[in-house]
């Protein structure tokens, strides 16, 4: 009764309420396993009904993704960092949390190709080969990292160091501390504005844009699901916005 009352009083959207309820179930499951309480009081509580066939993440056209990447000033290491980071999210459909958690050793050579290793939710390790443009952007950024390491400590490049690092104030140079997720959100919004994208975008926009462009190019949904590391094809389908173009084309048939 108390869990149900709490859920009903939450001033949040239906998906957020369901997320809170799921967290409570996991907490009480842990308490049951530890024999602190005899049963899970949240197990029988039902949250609000919610169904969605299309995600709300703003999606960029392929030309807009290209414009955002090309608009980055790469004369400083911070620009090389930002371009490489956005390129990983676009070309590998990676979540921002997995990208900022990468170490230098998570970019490696195999079979003559550059690969990336992502540590996704649930402790899953996800490895993907790089698109040739992503490999080029990563190579330029890692060369800048190597140059910075050579200045700080000649002859040493730490493979265990963070791949994407925070900036030192407004100098455009990089520190050895990891980049925070909040900083990435602000960076993406700033880069989108500078590129002339006429709407607000976030980190997930690159993930959704990459999936949509891949499917538009004839890619298969099951392969997109594997690349995005989704457990269900239905989740991958939420990022597919090809139907938006179909609806627009059909609406243009109207003549008044």
Protein backbone atom coordinates (compact mmCIF):
# COMPACT_ATOMS: atom_id res chain seq x y z
CA UNK A 1 0.00 0.00 0.00
CA UNK A 2 2.80 2.43 0.84
CA UNK A 3 4.69 1.67 -2.38
CA UNK A 4 1.51 2.17 -4.45
CA UNK A 5 0.78 5.48 -2.70
CA UNK A 6 4.32 6.66 -3.32
CA UNK A 7 4.15 5.75 -7.02
CA UNK A 8 0.80 7.49 -7.49
CA UNK A 9 2.11 10.67 -5.84
CA UNK A 10 5.21 10.99 -8.03
CA UNK A 11 4.96 14.21 -10.11
CA UNK A 12 6.73 12.59 -13.07
CA UNK A 13 5.96 11.28 -16.53
CA UNK A 14 4.84 7.66 -16.94
CA UNK A 15 8.27 6.38 -18.09
CA UNK A 16 9.98 8.09 -15.14
CA UNK A 17 7.45 6.61 -12.70
CA UNK A 18 8.09 3.14 -14.15
CA UNK A 19 11.83 3.68 -13.77
CA UNK A 20 11.40 4.63 -10.08
CA UNK A 21 9.18 1.60 -9.50
CA UNK A 22 11.75 -0.69 -11.14
CA UNK A 23 14.45 0.72 -8.86
CA UNK A 24 12.28 0.01 -5.81
CA UNK A 25 11.71 -3.57 -6.93
CA UNK A 26 15.44 -4.13 -7.31
CA UNK A 27 16.09 -2.62 -3.86
CA UNK A 28 13.50 -4.81 -2.14
CA UNK A 29 14.71 -7.89 -4.05
CA UNK A 30 18.16 -7.24 -2.60
CA UNK A 31 16.66 -6.94 0.90
CA UNK A 32 14.74 -10.20 0.43
CA UNK A 33 17.92 -11.96 -0.74
CA UNK A 34 19.73 -10.67 2.34
CA UNK A 35 16.86 -11.94 4.54
CA UNK A 36 16.16 -8.45 5.84
CA UNK A 37 12.48 -8.62 4.82
CA UNK A 38 10.36 -11.70 3.99
CA UNK A 39 8.86 -10.52 0.69
CA UNK A 40 9.06 -7.77 -1.94
CA UNK A 41 6.28 -5.20 -1.28
CA UNK A 42 6.82 -3.59 -4.71
CA UNK A 43 6.41 -6.80 -6.71
CA UNK A 44 2.62 -6.59 -6.97
CA UNK A 45 2.42 -2.81 -7.54
CA UNK A 46 1.48 -1.86 -11.10
CA UNK A 47 2.74 1.37 -12.57
CA UNK A 48 0.99 3.63 -15.12
CA UNK A 49 0.38 2.29 -18.61
CA UNK A 50 2.72 3.65 -21.22
CA UNK A 51 3.28 2.64 -24.82
CA UNK A 52 5.52 4.25 -27.42
CA UNK A 53 6.39 3.21 -30.96
CA UNK A 54 8.70 6.18 -31.67
CA UNK A 55 11.29 7.77 -29.44
CA UNK A 56 11.39 11.47 -28.60
CA UNK A 57 15.11 11.95 -29.17
CA UNK A 58 15.79 14.69 -31.78
CA UNK A 59 17.28 13.02 -34.86
CA UNK A 60 19.70 14.66 -37.29
CA UNK A 61 19.82 14.09 -41.01
CA UNK A 62 23.05 12.66 -42.37
CA UNK A 63 24.03 16.05 -43.79
CA UNK A 64 23.45 17.66 -40.40
CA UNK A 65 25.69 15.15 -38.63
CA UNK A 66 28.36 15.89 -41.23
CA UNK A 67 27.89 19.65 -40.70
CA UNK A 68 28.29 19.30 -36.92
CA UNK A 69 31.51 17.28 -37.29
CA UNK A 70 32.95 19.56 -39.97
CA UNK A 71 32.17 22.72 -37.99
CA UNK A 72 34.49 21.71 -35.13
CA UNK A 73 37.71 23.73 -34.94
CA UNK A 74 40.40 21.04 -34.71
CA UNK A 75 43.36 23.40 -34.29
CA UNK A 76 43.31 22.62 -30.54
CA UNK A 77 43.23 19.24 -28.76
CA UNK A 78 39.77 20.00 -27.33
CA UNK A 79 38.39 20.23 -30.86
CA UNK A 80 39.95 16.92 -31.84
CA UNK A 81 38.45 15.42 -28.68
CA UNK A 82 34.95 16.72 -29.37
CA UNK A 83 34.96 15.58 -33.00
CA UNK A 84 36.19 12.08 -32.08
CA UNK A 85 33.67 11.76 -29.26
CA UNK A 86 30.67 12.74 -31.41
CA UNK A 87 31.93 10.52 -34.23
CA UNK A 88 32.02 7.47 -31.94
CA UNK A 89 28.42 8.06 -30.86
CA UNK A 90 27.30 8.48 -34.47
CA UNK A 91 29.24 5.63 -36.12
CA UNK A 92 28.99 2.98 -33.38
CA UNK A 93 25.56 3.95 -31.92
CA UNK A 94 27.27 4.11 -28.51
CA UNK A 95 25.75 5.53 -25.35
CA UNK A 96 27.52 8.56 -23.95
CA UNK A 97 28.20 6.76 -20.66
CA UNK A 98 30.08 4.00 -22.47
CA UNK A 99 32.10 6.51 -24.50
CA UNK A 100 33.31 8.68 -21.62
CA UNK A 101 34.25 5.51 -19.72
CA UNK A 102 36.75 4.46 -22.39
CA UNK A 103 40.46 4.18 -21.66
CA UNK A 104 43.26 4.71 -24.17
CA UNK A 105 43.67 0.93 -24.47
CA UNK A 106 40.04 0.61 -25.60
CA UNK A 107 41.11 1.83 -29.05
CA UNK A 108 43.28 -0.85 -30.64
CA UNK A 109 44.40 -2.40 -33.92
CA UNK A 110 43.17 -5.80 -35.05
CA UNK A 111 43.44 -7.35 -38.50
CA UNK A 112 44.72 -4.10 -39.95
CA UNK A 113 41.66 -2.20 -38.71
CA UNK A 114 41.07 0.10 -35.78
CA UNK A 115 38.57 -1.21 -33.22
CA UNK A 116 36.86 0.32 -30.20
CA UNK A 117 35.89 -1.42 -26.98
CA UNK A 118 32.85 -0.07 -25.14
CA UNK A 119 31.84 -0.95 -21.60
CA UNK A 120 28.06 -0.78 -21.76
CA UNK A 121 25.33 -1.01 -19.14
CA UNK A 122 25.23 -4.15 -17.06
CA UNK A 123 28.97 -4.71 -17.37
CA UNK A 124 28.69 -5.78 -21.02
CA UNK A 125 31.83 -5.43 -23.11
CA UNK A 126 31.04 -4.41 -26.68
CA UNK A 127 33.67 -4.36 -29.44
CA UNK A 128 33.20 -2.88 -32.91
CA UNK A 129 35.40 -2.10 -35.92
CA UNK A 130 35.69 1.59 -36.79
CA UNK A 131 34.21 3.23 -39.87
CA UNK A 132 37.09 4.67 -41.90
CA UNK A 133 36.13 8.26 -41.00
CA UNK A 134 35.83 7.40 -37.33
CA UNK A 135 39.26 5.73 -37.50
CA UNK A 136 40.66 8.92 -39.02
CA UNK A 137 39.14 11.16 -36.32
CA UNK A 138 40.31 8.85 -33.53
CA UNK A 139 43.80 8.69 -35.02
CA UNK A 140 44.10 12.48 -35.10
CA UNK A 141 42.87 12.79 -31.52
CA UNK A 142 45.12 10.04 -30.17
CA UNK A 143 48.12 11.59 -31.92
CA UNK A 144 47.34 14.80 -30.02
CA UNK A 145 47.09 12.83 -26.76
CA UNK A 146 50.46 11.21 -27.46
CA UNK A 147 52.00 14.63 -28.11
CA UNK A 148 50.63 15.96 -24.81
CA UNK A 149 51.92 12.90 -22.95
CA UNK A 150 55.36 13.32 -24.51
CA UNK A 151 55.54 16.89 -23.21
CA UNK A 152 54.33 15.94 -19.71
CA UNK A 153 56.42 12.76 -19.38
CA UNK A 154 58.70 12.01 -22.33
CA UNK A 155 58.55 8.44 -23.60
CA UNK A 156 55.40 7.47 -21.69
CA UNK A 157 51.82 7.06 -22.89
CA UNK A 158 49.53 5.48 -20.33
CA UNK A 159 47.24 2.87 -21.86
CA UNK A 160 45.17 2.96 -18.67
CA UNK A 161 44.55 6.70 -18.89
CA UNK A 162 41.16 8.14 -19.78
CA UNK A 163 40.56 8.47 -23.51
CA UNK A 164 38.27 11.50 -23.34
CA UNK A 165 39.56 14.04 -20.86
CA UNK A 166 38.27 17.29 -19.42
CA UNK A 167 39.68 20.63 -20.54
CA UNK A 168 41.89 22.89 -18.45
CA UNK A 169 39.72 25.99 -17.92
CA UNK A 170 39.40 27.90 -21.21
CA UNK A 171 42.84 27.01 -22.58
CA UNK A 172 41.64 24.40 -25.07
CA UNK A 173 44.19 21.97 -23.61
CA UNK A 174 43.37 18.68 -21.91
CA UNK A 175 43.94 17.45 -18.36
CA UNK A 176 44.32 13.84 -17.19
CA UNK A 177 40.87 13.81 -15.55
CA UNK A 178 37.87 12.09 -17.20
CA UNK A 179 35.23 14.08 -19.04
CA UNK A 180 31.93 14.29 -17.19
CA UNK A 181 28.62 13.41 -18.80
CA UNK A 182 27.14 16.83 -18.03
CA UNK A 183 30.07 18.45 -19.85
CA UNK A 184 29.39 16.29 -22.92
CA UNK A 185 25.73 17.37 -22.97
CA UNK A 186 26.74 21.02 -22.94
CA UNK A 187 29.42 20.44 -25.57
CA UNK A 188 26.98 18.71 -27.96
CA UNK A 189 24.42 21.50 -27.58
CA UNK A 190 27.13 24.10 -28.21
CA UNK A 191 28.51 22.29 -31.26
CA UNK A 192 25.03 21.86 -32.73
CA UNK A 193 24.30 25.55 -32.32
CA UNK A 194 27.62 26.49 -33.94
CA UNK A 195 26.86 24.21 -36.90
CA UNK A 196 23.53 25.92 -37.52
CA UNK A 197 21.30 23.03 -36.45
CA UNK A 198 17.99 24.72 -35.85
CA UNK A 199 16.87 22.63 -32.88
CA UNK A 200 18.15 21.39 -29.56
CA UNK A 201 20.13 18.15 -29.78
CA UNK A 202 21.70 15.86 -27.20
CA UNK A 203 24.11 12.94 -27.01
CA UNK A 204 21.39 10.43 -27.88
CA UNK A 205 20.72 12.35 -31.10
CA UNK A 206 23.90 10.88 -32.58
CA UNK A 207 22.86 7.37 -31.54
CA UNK A 208 19.40 7.76 -33.07
CA UNK A 209 20.77 9.46 -36.18
CA UNK A 210 23.32 6.71 -36.73
CA UNK A 211 20.69 3.96 -36.46
CA UNK A 212 18.28 5.80 -38.76
CA UNK A 213 20.91 6.49 -41.43
CA UNK A 214 22.16 2.90 -41.25
CA UNK A 215 18.64 1.54 -41.84
CA UNK A 216 17.96 4.09 -44.60
CA UNK A 217 21.09 2.79 -46.36
CA UNK A 218 19.61 -0.72 -46.44
CA UNK A 219 20.98 -2.03 -43.14
CA UNK A 220 19.18 -4.78 -41.26
CA UNK A 221 17.33 -4.17 -38.00
CA UNK A 222 18.92 -7.18 -36.27
CA UNK A 223 22.41 -5.92 -37.15
CA UNK A 224 21.52 -2.43 -35.90
CA UNK A 225 20.27 -4.05 -32.69
CA UNK A 226 23.60 -5.85 -32.23
CA UNK A 227 25.62 -2.70 -32.98
CA UNK A 228 23.55 -0.64 -30.54
CA UNK A 229 23.79 -3.44 -27.95
CA UNK A 230 20.03 -3.51 -27.43
CA UNK A 231 18.43 -6.57 -25.84
CA UNK A 232 15.28 -6.20 -27.93
CA UNK A 233 14.68 -5.15 -31.57
CA UNK A 234 11.69 -3.15 -30.33
CA UNK A 235 14.07 -0.83 -28.47
CA UNK A 236 16.14 -0.36 -31.63
CA UNK A 237 12.94 0.42 -33.54
CA UNK A 238 12.30 3.39 -31.26
CA UNK A 239 15.39 5.05 -32.77
CA UNK A 240 14.32 4.40 -36.37
CA UNK A 241 12.82 7.61 -37.81
CA UNK A 242 12.49 6.54 -41.45
CA UNK A 243 8.72 6.74 -41.06
CA UNK A 244 9.02 10.51 -40.54
CA UNK A 245 10.12 10.90 -44.17
CA UNK A 246 7.29 8.64 -45.37
CA UNK A 247 4.72 10.73 -43.49
CA UNK A 248 6.16 13.93 -44.95
CA UNK A 249 6.14 12.57 -48.50
CA UNK A 250 2.52 11.45 -48.12
CA UNK A 251 1.38 14.75 -46.59
CA UNK A 252 2.90 16.60 -49.56
CA UNK A 253 0.41 14.79 -51.82
CA UNK A 254 -2.30 17.11 -50.55
CA UNK A 255 -3.24 19.96 -52.86
CA UNK A 256 -5.69 22.64 -51.73
